[in-house]
Amino acid sequence: MLGLHAIEKRNKGLINFVQSYRSLTKIPKPILKNISVKELLNNLSMLMEEEIKKENVLFDIQIEPPDLELVADERLISQILINLVKNSLSALKK
């Protein structure tokens, strides 16, 4: 009986692991459109302003050419940039 209980418990653990892994790998289908890099980075700067100030970090935006655009999913690329800024702030603490 203990053996069956151990197998059942391990099975549930594996199922939870697989479900968690699947949720990490589910990337939504991108909705591509032209995005102004200046607007994208200015929005990022405003969103992260408090965290950046709190860490006393200079966040300087320089774009050449000023009207630079890219084709991307704005929601996904914004999340990537937020993560990069957060990771950078964390790395600067250390």
PDB file of N, CA and C in Angstrom:
ATOM      1  N   MET A   1       0.806  -1.181   0.000  1.00  0.00           N
ATOM      2  CA  MET A   1       0.000   0.000   0.000  1.00  0.00           C
ATOM      3  C   MET A   1       0.864   1.266   0.000  1.00  0.00           C
ATOM      4  N   LEU A   2       1.931   1.279   0.793  1.00  0.00           N
ATOM      5  CA  LEU A   2       2.820   2.438   0.824  1.00  0.00           C
ATOM      6  C   LEU A   2       3.473   2.654  -0.532  1.00  0.00           C
ATOM      7  N   GLY A   3       3.800   1.582  -1.202  1.00  0.00           N
ATOM      8  CA  GLY A   3       4.414   1.676  -2.526  1.00  0.00           C
ATOM      9  C   GLY A   3       3.492   2.355  -3.519  1.00  0.00           C
ATOM     10  N   LEU A   4       2.215   1.973  -3.505  1.00  0.00           N
ATOM     11  CA  LEU A   4       1.246   2.589  -4.410  1.00  0.00           C
ATOM     12  C   LEU A   4       1.056   4.066  -4.087  1.00  0.00           C
ATOM     13  N   HIS A   5       1.061   4.382  -2.803  1.00  0.00           N
ATOM     14  CA  HIS A   5       0.911   5.782  -2.393  1.00  0.00           C
ATOM     15  C   HIS A   5       2.108   6.608  -2.878  1.00  0.00           C
ATOM     16  N   ALA A   6       3.291   6.063  -2.760  1.00  0.00           N
ATOM     17  CA  ALA A   6       4.505   6.758  -3.211  1.00  0.00           C
ATOM     18  C   ALA A   6       4.470   6.972  -4.721  1.00  0.00           C
ATOM     19  N   ILE A   7       4.023   5.956  -5.462  1.00  0.00           N
ATOM     20  CA  ILE A   7       3.931   6.069  -6.925  1.00  0.00           C
ATOM     21  C   ILE A   7       2.902   7.133  -7.303  1.00  0.00           C
ATOM     22  N   GLU A   8       1.755   7.133  -6.622  1.00  0.00           N
ATOM     23  CA  GLU A   8       0.711   8.121  -6.909  1.00  0.00           C
ATOM     24  C   GLU A   8       1.223   9.537  -6.627  1.00  0.00           C
ATOM     25  N   LYS A   9       1.921   9.708  -5.518  1.00  0.00           N
ATOM     26  CA  LYS A   9       2.454  11.018  -5.139  1.00  0.00           C
ATOM     27  C   LYS A   9       3.474  11.499  -6.172  1.00  0.00           C
ATOM     28  N   ARG A  10       4.342  10.592  -6.591  1.00  0.00           N
ATOM     29  CA  ARG A  10       5.360  10.944  -7.594  1.00  0.00           C
ATOM     30  C   ARG A  10       4.702  11.289  -8.923  1.00  0.00           C
ATOM     31  N   ASN A  11       3.658  10.540  -9.293  1.00  0.00           N
ATOM     32  CA  ASN A  11       2.931  10.792 -10.527  1.00  0.00           C
ATOM     33  C   ASN A  11       2.314  12.188 -10.520  1.00  0.00           C
ATOM     34  N   LYS A  12       1.705  12.555  -9.381  1.00  0.00           N
ATOM     35  CA  LYS A  12       1.109  13.887  -9.267  1.00  0.00           C
ATOM     36  C   LYS A  12       2.181  14.970  -9.367  1.00  0.00           C
ATOM     37  N   GLY A  13       3.325  14.731  -8.792  1.00  0.00           N
ATOM     38  CA  GLY A  13       4.439  15.684  -8.881  1.00  0.00           C
ATOM     39  C   GLY A  13       4.903  15.876 -10.310  1.00  0.00           C
ATOM     40  N   LEU A  14       4.998  14.774 -11.050  1.00  0.00           N
ATOM     41  CA  LEU A  14       5.415  14.870 -12.447  1.00  0.00           C
ATOM     42  C   LEU A  14       4.380  15.608 -13.295  1.00  0.00           C
ATOM     43  N   ILE A  15       3.108  15.335 -13.032  1.00  0.00           N
ATOM     44  CA  ILE A  15       2.037  16.017 -13.773  1.00  0.00           C
ATOM     45  C   ILE A  15       2.094  17.522 -13.491  1.00  0.00           C
ATOM     46  N   ASN A  16       2.283  17.909 -12.240  1.00  0.00           N
ATOM     47  CA  ASN A  16       2.396  19.332 -11.901  1.00  0.00           C
ATOM     48  C   ASN A  16       3.596  19.972 -12.589  1.00  0.00           C
ATOM     49  N   PHE A  17       4.718  19.244 -12.626  1.00  0.00           N
ATOM     50  CA  PHE A  17       5.911  19.758 -13.285  1.00  0.00           C
ATOM     51  C   PHE A  17       5.644  19.986 -14.768  1.00  0.00           C
ATOM     52  N   VAL A  18       5.027  19.025 -15.433  1.00  0.00           N
ATOM     53  CA  VAL A  18       4.741  19.146 -16.868  1.00  0.00           C
ATOM     54  C   VAL A  18       3.788  20.311 -17.121  1.00  0.00           C
ATOM     55  N   GLN A  19       2.769  20.473 -16.296  1.00  0.00           N
ATOM     56  CA  GLN A  19       1.828  21.575 -16.473  1.00  0.00           C
ATOM     57  C   GLN A  19       2.510  22.926 -16.269  1.00  0.00           C
ATOM     58  N   SER A  20       3.372  23.009 -15.288  1.00  0.00           N
ATOM     59  CA  SER A  20       4.111  24.251 -15.057  1.00  0.00           C
ATOM     60  C   SER A  20       5.028  24.557 -16.234  1.00  0.00           C
ATOM     61  N   TYR A  21       5.712  23.544 -16.739  1.00  0.00           N
ATOM     62  CA  TYR A  21       6.613  23.728 -17.873  1.00  0.00           C
ATOM     63  C   TYR A  21       5.837  24.179 -19.100  1.00  0.00           C
ATOM     64  N   ARG A  22       4.677  23.582 -19.337  1.00  0.00           N
ATOM     65  CA  ARG A  22       3.851  23.971 -20.485  1.00  0.00           C
ATOM     66  C   ARG A  22       3.437  25.438 -20.390  1.00  0.00           C
ATOM     67  N   SER A  23       3.073  25.889 -19.201  1.00  0.00           N
ATOM     68  CA  SER A  23       2.645  27.272 -19.057  1.00  0.00           C
ATOM     69  C   SER A  23       3.795  28.234 -19.337  1.00  0.00           C
ATOM     70  N   LEU A  24       5.029  27.819 -19.036  1.00  0.00           N
ATOM     71  CA  LEU A  24       6.183  28.663 -19.323  1.00  0.00           C
ATOM     72  C   LEU A  24       6.493  28.736 -20.817  1.00  0.00           C
ATOM     73  N   THR A  25       6.163  27.697 -21.541  1.00  0.00           N
ATOM     74  CA  THR A  25       6.511  27.649 -22.957  1.00  0.00           C
ATOM     75  C   THR A  25       5.387  28.129 -23.865  1.00  0.00           C
ATOM     76  N   LYS A  26       4.250  28.504 -23.288  1.00  0.00           N
ATOM     77  CA  LYS A  26       3.132  28.999 -24.095  1.00  0.00           C
ATOM     78  C   LYS A  26       3.325  30.481 -24.374  1.00  0.00           C
ATOM     79  N   ILE A  27       3.871  30.773 -25.515  1.00  0.00           N
ATOM     80  CA  ILE A  27       4.057  32.154 -25.928  1.00  0.00           C
ATOM     81  C   ILE A  27       2.931  32.489 -26.891  1.00  0.00           C
ATOM     82  N   PRO A  28       2.207  33.566 -26.620  1.00  0.00           N
ATOM     83  CA  PRO A  28       1.099  33.901 -27.513  1.00  0.00           C
ATOM     84  C   PRO A  28       1.591  34.225 -28.918  1.00  0.00           C
ATOM     85  N   LYS A  29       0.725  33.984 -29.894  1.00  0.00           N
ATOM     86  CA  LYS A  29       1.076  34.294 -31.273  1.00  0.00           C
ATOM     87  C   LYS A  29       1.244  35.809 -31.392  1.00  0.00           C
ATOM     88  N   PRO A  30       2.380  36.252 -31.920  1.00  0.00           N
ATOM     89  CA  PRO A  30       2.626  37.691 -32.007  1.00  0.00           C
ATOM     90  C   PRO A  30       1.700  38.379 -33.006  1.00  0.00           C
ATOM     91  N   ILE A  31       1.313  39.590 -32.649  1.00  0.00           N
ATOM     92  CA  ILE A  31       0.554  40.455 -33.548  1.00  0.00           C
ATOM     93  C   ILE A  31       1.534  41.533 -34.000  1.00  0.00           C
ATOM     94  N   LEU A  32       2.071  41.348 -35.193  1.00  0.00           N
ATOM     95  CA  LEU A  32       3.132  42.220 -35.680  1.00  0.00           C
ATOM     96  C   LEU A  32       2.574  43.508 -36.275  1.00  0.00           C
ATOM     97  N   LYS A  33       3.257  44.616 -35.953  1.00  0.00           N
ATOM     98  CA  LYS A  33       2.923  45.906 -36.547  1.00  0.00           C
ATOM     99  C   LYS A  33       4.131  46.827 -36.415  1.00  0.00           C
ATOM    100  N   ASN A  34       4.128  47.914 -37.162  1.00  0.00           N
ATOM    101  CA  ASN A  34       5.210  48.899 -37.059  1.00  0.00           C
ATOM    102  C   ASN A  34       5.101  49.625 -35.729  1.00  0.00           C
ATOM    103  N   ILE A  35       6.228  49.735 -35.049  1.00  0.00           N
ATOM    104  CA  ILE A  35       6.272  50.381 -33.739  1.00  0.00           C
ATOM    105  C   ILE A  35       7.368  51.430 -33.752  1.00  0.00           C
ATOM    106  N   SER A  36       7.060  52.599 -33.241  1.00  0.00           N
ATOM    107  CA  SER A  36       8.063  53.640 -33.073  1.00  0.00           C
ATOM    108  C   SER A  36       8.960  53.251 -31.900  1.00  0.00           C
ATOM    109  N   VAL A  37      10.257  53.155 -32.149  1.00  0.00           N
ATOM    110  CA  VAL A  37      11.199  52.787 -31.083  1.00  0.00           C
ATOM    111  C   VAL A  37      11.226  53.885 -30.017  1.00  0.00           C
ATOM    112  N   LYS A  38      11.140  55.129 -30.458  1.00  0.00           N
ATOM    113  CA  LYS A  38      11.136  56.250 -29.506  1.00  0.00           C
ATOM    114  C   LYS A  38       9.933  56.149 -28.566  1.00  0.00           C
ATOM    115  N   GLU A  39       8.768  55.904 -29.120  1.00  0.00           N
ATOM    116  CA  GLU A  39       7.557  55.788 -28.306  1.00  0.00           C
ATOM    117  C   GLU A  39       7.640  54.579 -27.366  1.00  0.00           C
ATOM    118  N   LEU A  40       8.144  53.466 -27.889  1.00  0.00           N
ATOM    119  CA  LEU A  40       8.286  52.244 -27.099  1.00  0.00           C
ATOM    120  C   LEU A  40       9.191  52.481 -25.892  1.00  0.00           C
ATOM    121  N   LEU A  41      10.347  53.097 -26.121  1.00  0.00           N
ATOM    122  CA  LEU A  41      11.301  53.320 -25.035  1.00  0.00           C
ATOM    123  C   LEU A  41      10.845  54.422 -24.080  1.00  0.00           C
ATOM    124  N   ASN A  42      10.158  55.432 -24.602  1.00  0.00           N
ATOM    125  CA  ASN A  42       9.611  56.471 -23.714  1.00  0.00           C
ATOM    126  C   ASN A  42       8.553  55.883 -22.791  1.00  0.00           C
ATOM    127  N   ASN A  43       7.704  55.013 -23.327  1.00  0.00           N
ATOM    128  CA  ASN A  43       6.698  54.344 -22.489  1.00  0.00           C
ATOM    129  C   ASN A  43       7.369  53.479 -21.427  1.00  0.00           C
ATOM    130  N   LEU A  44       8.409  52.773 -21.826  1.00  0.00           N
ATOM    131  CA  LEU A  44       9.166  51.941 -20.882  1.00  0.00           C
ATOM    132  C   LEU A  44       9.769  52.811 -19.779  1.00  0.00           C
ATOM    133  N   SER A  45      10.341  53.926 -20.168  1.00  0.00           N
ATOM    134  CA  SER A  45      10.954  54.836 -19.202  1.00  0.00           C
ATOM    135  C   SER A  45       9.935  55.347 -18.193  1.00  0.00           C
ATOM    136  N   MET A  46       8.751  55.742 -18.677  1.00  0.00           N
ATOM    137  CA  MET A  46       7.702  56.223 -17.771  1.00  0.00           C
ATOM    138  C   MET A  46       7.226  55.114 -16.837  1.00  0.00           C
ATOM    139  N   LEU A  47       7.064  53.914 -17.384  1.00  0.00           N
ATOM    140  CA  LEU A  47       6.591  52.785 -16.594  1.00  0.00           C
ATOM    141  C   LEU A  47       7.588  52.403 -15.496  1.00  0.00           C
ATOM    142  N   MET A  48       8.866  52.448 -15.823  1.00  0.00           N
ATOM    143  CA  MET A  48       9.904  51.999 -14.893  1.00  0.00           C
ATOM    144  C   MET A  48      10.536  53.149 -14.098  1.00  0.00           C
ATOM    145  N   GLU A  49      10.032  54.356 -14.288  1.00  0.00           N
ATOM    146  CA  GLU A  49      10.641  55.557 -13.713  1.00  0.00           C
ATOM    147  C   GLU A  49      10.901  55.448 -12.212  1.00  0.00           C
ATOM    148  N   GLU A  50       9.924  55.022 -11.451  1.00  0.00           N
ATOM    149  CA  GLU A  50      10.084  54.955  -9.994  1.00  0.00           C
ATOM    150  C   GLU A  50      11.171  53.957  -9.593  1.00  0.00           C
ATOM    151  N   GLU A  51      11.158  52.780 -10.213  1.00  0.00           N
ATOM    152  CA  GLU A  51      12.169  51.768  -9.876  1.00  0.00           C
ATOM    153  C   GLU A  51      13.567  52.248 -10.245  1.00  0.00           C
ATOM    154  N   ILE A  52      13.671  52.912 -11.397  1.00  0.00           N
ATOM    155  CA  ILE A  52      14.972  53.417 -11.853  1.00  0.00           C
ATOM    156  C   ILE A  52      15.481  54.500 -10.906  1.00  0.00           C
ATOM    157  N   LYS A  53      14.598  55.432 -10.523  1.00  0.00           N
ATOM    158  CA  LYS A  53      14.994  56.497  -9.589  1.00  0.00           C
ATOM    159  C   LYS A  53      15.415  55.918  -8.242  1.00  0.00           C
ATOM    160  N   LYS A  54      14.642  54.931  -7.779  1.00  0.00           N
ATOM    161  CA  LYS A  54      14.921  54.319  -6.475  1.00  0.00           C
ATOM    162  C   LYS A  54      16.335  53.736  -6.433  1.00  0.00           C
ATOM    163  N   GLU A  55      16.793  53.224  -7.566  1.00  0.00           N
ATOM    164  CA  GLU A  55      18.131  52.616  -7.626  1.00  0.00           C
ATOM    165  C   GLU A  55      19.204  53.631  -8.027  1.00  0.00           C
ATOM    166  N   ASN A  56      18.781  54.900  -8.231  1.00  0.00           N
ATOM    167  CA  ASN A  56      19.708  55.964  -8.587  1.00  0.00           C
ATOM    168  C   ASN A  56      20.504  55.627  -9.861  1.00  0.00           C
ATOM    169  N   VAL A  57      19.769  55.189 -10.890  1.00  0.00           N
ATOM    170  CA  VAL A  57      20.368  54.794 -12.160  1.00  0.00           C
ATOM    171  C   VAL A  57      19.946  55.780 -13.234  1.00  0.00           C
ATOM    172  N   LEU A  58      20.872  56.146 -14.100  1.00  0.00           N
ATOM    173  CA  LEU A  58      20.565  57.002 -15.237  1.00  0.00           C
ATOM    174  C   LEU A  58      20.037  56.135 -16.370  1.00  0.00           C
ATOM    175  N   PHE A  59      18.851  56.455 -16.850  1.00  0.00           N
ATOM    176  CA  PHE A  59      18.229  55.741 -17.966  1.00  0.00           C
ATOM    177  C   PHE A  59      18.128  56.748 -19.095  1.00  0.00           C
ATOM    178  N   ASP A  60      19.083  56.700 -20.009  1.00  0.00           N
ATOM    179  CA  ASP A  60      19.188  57.671 -21.089  1.00  0.00           C
ATOM    180  C   ASP A  60      18.786  57.008 -22.406  1.00  0.00           C
ATOM    181  N   ILE A  61      17.884  57.647 -23.131  1.00  0.00           N
ATOM    182  CA  ILE A  61      17.414  57.093 -24.401  1.00  0.00           C
ATOM    183  C   ILE A  61      18.018  57.896 -25.541  1.00  0.00           C
ATOM    184  N   GLN A  62      18.734  57.206 -26.416  1.00  0.00           N
ATOM    185  CA  GLN A  62      19.307  57.818 -27.619  1.00  0.00           C
ATOM    186  C   GLN A  62      18.975  56.911 -28.793  1.00  0.00           C
ATOM    187  N   ILE A  63      18.270  57.461 -29.782  1.00  0.00           N
ATOM    188  CA  ILE A  63      17.825  56.669 -30.924  1.00  0.00           C
ATOM    189  C   ILE A  63      18.306  57.334 -32.209  1.00  0.00           C
ATOM    190  N   GLU A  64      18.957  56.566 -33.047  1.00  0.00           N
ATOM    191  CA  GLU A  64      19.416  57.046 -34.351  1.00  0.00           C
ATOM    192  C   GLU A  64      18.975  56.078 -35.423  1.00  0.00           C
ATOM    193  N   PRO A  65      18.264  56.495 -36.408  1.00  0.00           N
ATOM    194  CA  PRO A  65      17.649  57.813 -36.573  1.00  0.00           C
ATOM    195  C   PRO A  65      16.472  57.978 -35.604  1.00  0.00           C
ATOM    196  N   PRO A  66      16.097  59.224 -35.310  1.00  0.00           N
ATOM    197  CA  PRO A  66      15.035  59.483 -34.329  1.00  0.00           C
ATOM    198  C   PRO A  66      13.678  58.858 -34.688  1.00  0.00           C
ATOM    199  N   ASP A  67      13.442  58.622 -35.954  1.00  0.00           N
ATOM    200  CA  ASP A  67      12.156  58.058 -36.388  1.00  0.00           C
ATOM    201  C   ASP A  67      12.239  56.543 -36.616  1.00  0.00           C
ATOM    202  N   LEU A  68      13.210  55.901 -36.002  1.00  0.00           N
ATOM    203  CA  LEU A  68      13.419  54.457 -36.161  1.00  0.00           C
ATOM    204  C   LEU A  68      12.167  53.677 -35.765  1.00  0.00           C
ATOM    205  N   GLU A  69      11.808  52.709 -36.591  1.00  0.00           N
ATOM    206  CA  GLU A  69      10.672  51.837 -36.304  1.00  0.00           C
ATOM    207  C   GLU A  69      11.117  50.390 -36.403  1.00  0.00           C
ATOM    208  N   LEU A  70      10.346  49.515 -35.775  1.00  0.00           N
ATOM    209  CA  LEU A  70      10.583  48.091 -35.922  1.00  0.00           C
ATOM    210  C   LEU A  70       9.243  47.393 -36.059  1.00  0.00           C
ATOM    211  N   VAL A  71       9.288  46.201 -36.622  1.00  0.00           N
ATOM    212  CA  VAL A  71       8.084  45.395 -36.770  1.00  0.00           C
ATOM    213  C   VAL A  71       8.121  44.347 -35.667  1.00  0.00           C
ATOM    214  N   ALA A  72       7.145  44.437 -34.749  1.00  0.00           N
ATOM    215  CA  ALA A  72       7.122  43.521 -33.600  1.00  0.00           C
ATOM    216  C   ALA A  72       5.740  43.557 -32.966  1.00  0.00           C
ATOM    217  N   ASP A  73       5.536  42.648 -32.021  1.00  0.00           N
ATOM    218  CA  ASP A  73       4.335  42.669 -31.199  1.00  0.00           C
ATOM    219  C   ASP A  73       4.649  43.591 -30.027  1.00  0.00           C
ATOM    220  N   GLU A  74       3.947  44.718 -29.967  1.00  0.00           N
ATOM    221  CA  GLU A  74       4.261  45.731 -28.961  1.00  0.00           C
ATOM    222  C   GLU A  74       4.136  45.195 -27.532  1.00  0.00           C
ATOM    223  N   ARG A  75       3.135  44.396 -27.292  1.00  0.00           N
ATOM    224  CA  ARG A  75       2.911  43.826 -25.951  1.00  0.00           C
ATOM    225  C   ARG A  75       4.072  42.915 -25.554  1.00  0.00           C
ATOM    226  N   LEU A  76       4.477  42.037 -26.472  1.00  0.00           N
ATOM    227  CA  LEU A  76       5.551  41.086 -26.159  1.00  0.00           C
ATOM    228  C   LEU A  76       6.900  41.782 -26.025  1.00  0.00           C
ATOM    229  N   ILE A  77       7.204  42.709 -26.945  1.00  0.00           N
ATOM    230  CA  ILE A  77       8.505  43.381 -26.890  1.00  0.00           C
ATOM    231  C   ILE A  77       8.577  44.273 -25.645  1.00  0.00           C
ATOM    232  N   SER A  78       7.443  44.858 -25.246  1.00  0.00           N
ATOM    233  CA  SER A  78       7.430  45.666 -24.017  1.00  0.00           C
ATOM    234  C   SER A  78       7.741  44.808 -22.801  1.00  0.00           C
ATOM    235  N   GLN A  79       7.162  43.613 -22.746  1.00  0.00           N
ATOM    236  CA  GLN A  79       7.420  42.722 -21.615  1.00  0.00           C
ATOM    237  C   GLN A  79       8.886  42.301 -21.576  1.00  0.00           C
ATOM    238  N   ILE A  80       9.457  42.051 -22.729  1.00  0.00           N
ATOM    239  CA  ILE A  80      10.884  41.691 -22.799  1.00  0.00           C
ATOM    240  C   ILE A  80      11.743  42.838 -22.274  1.00  0.00           C
ATOM    241  N   LEU A  81      11.436  44.058 -22.709  1.00  0.00           N
ATOM    242  CA  LEU A  81      12.222  45.217 -22.279  1.00  0.00           C
ATOM    243  C   LEU A  81      12.063  45.475 -20.780  1.00  0.00           C
ATOM    244  N   ILE A  82      10.858  45.314 -20.261  1.00  0.00           N
ATOM    245  CA  ILE A  82      10.633  45.463 -18.811  1.00  0.00           C
ATOM    246  C   ILE A  82      11.500  44.459 -18.049  1.00  0.00           C
ATOM    247  N   ASN A  83      11.504  43.227 -18.514  1.00  0.00           N
ATOM    248  CA  ASN A  83      12.316  42.192 -17.863  1.00  0.00           C
ATOM    249  C   ASN A  83      13.803  42.526 -17.932  1.00  0.00           C
ATOM    250  N   LEU A  84      14.257  43.042 -19.073  1.00  0.00           N
ATOM    251  CA  LEU A  84      15.670  43.419 -19.204  1.00  0.00           C
ATOM    252  C   LEU A  84      16.043  44.539 -18.243  1.00  0.00           C
ATOM    253  N   VAL A  85      15.176  45.531 -18.117  1.00  0.00           N
ATOM    254  CA  VAL A  85      15.456  46.639 -17.201  1.00  0.00           C
ATOM    255  C   VAL A  85      15.466  46.138 -15.757  1.00  0.00           C
ATOM    256  N   LYS A  86      14.476  45.332 -15.401  1.00  0.00           N
ATOM    257  CA  LYS A  86      14.433  44.790 -14.034  1.00  0.00           C
ATOM    258  C   LYS A  86      15.664  43.945 -13.734  1.00  0.00           C
ATOM    259  N   ASN A  87      16.067  43.098 -14.681  1.00  0.00           N
ATOM    260  CA  ASN A  87      17.261  42.278 -14.488  1.00  0.00           C
ATOM    261  C   ASN A  87      18.511  43.142 -14.366  1.00  0.00           C
ATOM    262  N   SER A  88      18.577  44.204 -15.159  1.00  0.00           N
ATOM    263  CA  SER A  88      19.732  45.110 -15.092  1.00  0.00           C
ATOM    264  C   SER A  88      19.793  45.819 -13.749  1.00  0.00           C
ATOM    265  N   LEU A  89      18.641  46.302 -13.279  1.00  0.00           N
ATOM    266  CA  LEU A  89      18.613  46.954 -11.969  1.00  0.00           C
ATOM    267  C   LEU A  89      19.037  45.994 -10.859  1.00  0.00           C
ATOM    268  N   SER A  90      18.575  44.777 -10.978  1.00  0.00           N
ATOM    269  CA  SER A  90      18.942  43.774  -9.985  1.00  0.00           C
ATOM    270  C   SER A  90      20.448  43.484 -10.033  1.00  0.00           C
ATOM    271  N   ALA A  91      20.987  43.387 -11.239  1.00  0.00           N
ATOM    272  CA  ALA A  91      22.420  43.107 -11.384  1.00  0.00           C
ATOM    273  C   ALA A  91      23.269  44.268 -10.863  1.00  0.00           C
ATOM    274  N   LEU A  92      22.788  45.479 -11.023  1.00  0.00           N
ATOM    275  CA  LEU A  92      23.538  46.642 -10.543  1.00  0.00           C
ATOM    276  C   LEU A  92      23.586  46.707  -9.020  1.00  0.00           C
ATOM    277  N   LYS A  93      22.602  46.123  -8.359  1.00  0.00           N
ATOM    278  CA  LYS A  93      22.605  46.081  -6.894  1.00  0.00           C
ATOM    279  C   LYS A  93      23.776  45.259  -6.381  1.00  0.00           C
ATOM    280  N   LYS A  94      24.108  44.220  -7.149  1.00  0.00           N
ATOM    281  CA  LYS A  94      25.133  43.271  -6.718  1.00  0.00           C
ATOM    282  C   LYS A  94      26.471  43.737  -7.200  1.00  0.00           C
TER     283      LYS A  94
END
